[in-house]
Amino acid sequence: MKTVAVFEAKNRLSELLAAVALGEEITITRHGAPVARLVALNAGAQPAPEQRAHVSAVMRHLRAVGAGAELGCTVPQAIQHGRD
């Protein structure tokens, strides 16, 4: 991931956008602190591998916690009760 200062980003915006279109992520800093990140629009379509792994682990945990749990009523009854 490339990092550029705000001033440089303003002066090289077209070049940076071309790099982003090719898949590069660019962090923009102000006084050395990150303030923004340039990514391609379609970059958000696929989660990062670590995020995917985290979500999978959480889902496994939720399934384990919910295994054997009972509502004590039907799903439509539970939904209606939640609306009341």
Protein backbone atom coordinates (compact mmCIF):
# COMPACT_ATOMS: atom_id res chain seq x y z
CA MET A 1 0.00 0.00 0.00
CA LYS A 2 1.36 3.38 -1.03
CA THR A 3 1.19 6.42 1.27
CA VAL A 4 1.15 10.03 0.06
CA ALA A 5 0.70 13.40 1.72
CA VAL A 6 -2.34 15.56 0.92
CA PHE A 7 -0.26 18.06 -1.06
CA GLU A 8 1.25 15.31 -3.19
CA ALA A 9 -2.16 13.68 -3.67
CA LYS A 10 -3.62 16.96 -4.96
CA ASN A 11 -0.76 17.39 -7.43
CA ARG A 12 -0.79 13.76 -8.65
CA LEU A 13 -4.48 12.86 -8.42
CA SER A 14 -4.78 11.52 -11.98
CA GLU A 15 -1.72 9.33 -11.53
CA LEU A 16 -2.97 8.04 -8.19
CA LEU A 17 -6.41 7.24 -9.63
CA ALA A 18 -4.78 5.27 -12.42
CA ALA A 19 -2.85 3.23 -9.83
CA VAL A 20 -6.05 2.65 -7.85
CA ALA A 21 -7.83 1.46 -10.99
CA LEU A 22 -5.09 -1.18 -11.31
CA GLY A 23 -5.82 -2.45 -7.79
CA GLU A 24 -3.43 -0.44 -5.63
CA GLU A 25 -4.65 1.06 -2.35
CA ILE A 26 -3.31 4.49 -1.42
CA THR A 27 -3.39 6.09 2.02
CA ILE A 28 -3.47 9.88 2.16
CA THR A 29 -1.85 11.50 5.18
CA ARG A 30 -2.00 14.95 6.73
CA HIS A 31 0.97 15.87 8.92
CA GLY A 32 2.00 12.21 8.88
CA ALA A 33 -1.35 10.87 10.14
CA PRO A 34 -3.60 8.81 7.84
CA VAL A 35 -6.83 10.64 6.95
CA ALA A 36 -8.18 8.81 3.89
CA ARG A 37 -7.72 5.76 1.73
CA LEU A 38 -8.18 5.57 -2.04
CA VAL A 39 -9.49 2.22 -3.27
CA ALA A 40 -11.24 1.10 -6.43
CA LEU A 41 -15.03 1.05 -6.27
CA ASN A 42 -15.12 -2.68 -6.86
CA ALA A 43 -12.58 -3.24 -4.06
CA GLY A 44 -15.39 -3.24 -1.51
CA ALA A 45 -17.11 -6.11 -3.29
CA GLN A 46 -14.66 -8.66 -1.86
CA PRO A 47 -13.84 -8.53 1.85
CA ALA A 48 -10.24 -8.74 2.94
CA PRO A 49 -9.11 -12.32 3.73
CA GLU A 50 -8.70 -11.53 7.44
CA GLN A 51 -12.22 -10.07 7.57
CA ARG A 52 -13.62 -13.16 5.82
CA ALA A 53 -11.84 -15.43 8.35
CA HIS A 54 -13.13 -13.36 11.27
CA VAL A 55 -16.73 -13.48 10.03
CA SER A 56 -16.48 -17.25 9.50
CA ALA A 57 -15.18 -17.74 13.04
CA VAL A 58 -17.97 -15.60 14.50
CA MET A 59 -20.61 -17.50 12.53
CA ARG A 60 -19.22 -20.85 13.78
CA HIS A 61 -19.35 -19.51 17.33
CA LEU A 62 -22.94 -18.30 16.94
CA ARG A 63 -24.01 -21.67 15.53
CA ALA A 64 -22.38 -23.44 18.48
CA VAL A 65 -24.03 -21.12 20.99
CA GLY A 66 -27.42 -21.53 19.32
CA ALA A 67 -27.21 -25.31 18.98
CA GLY A 68 -30.00 -26.86 21.01
CA ALA A 69 -31.60 -23.51 21.84
CA GLU A 70 -35.39 -23.41 21.67
CA LEU A 71 -37.72 -20.46 21.19
CA GLY A 72 -40.60 -22.01 23.11
CA CYS A 73 -42.91 -20.99 20.25
CA THR A 74 -43.03 -20.92 16.47
CA VAL A 75 -40.97 -18.42 14.49
CA PRO A 76 -44.07 -16.47 13.34
CA GLN A 77 -45.22 -16.25 16.97
CA ALA A 78 -41.78 -14.98 18.04
CA ILE A 79 -41.85 -12.36 15.26
CA GLN A 80 -45.33 -11.23 16.28
CA HIS A 81 -44.29 -11.08 19.93
CA GLY A 82 -41.33 -8.89 18.94
CA ARG A 83 -43.69 -6.50 17.15
CA ASP A 84 -46.00 -6.11 20.14
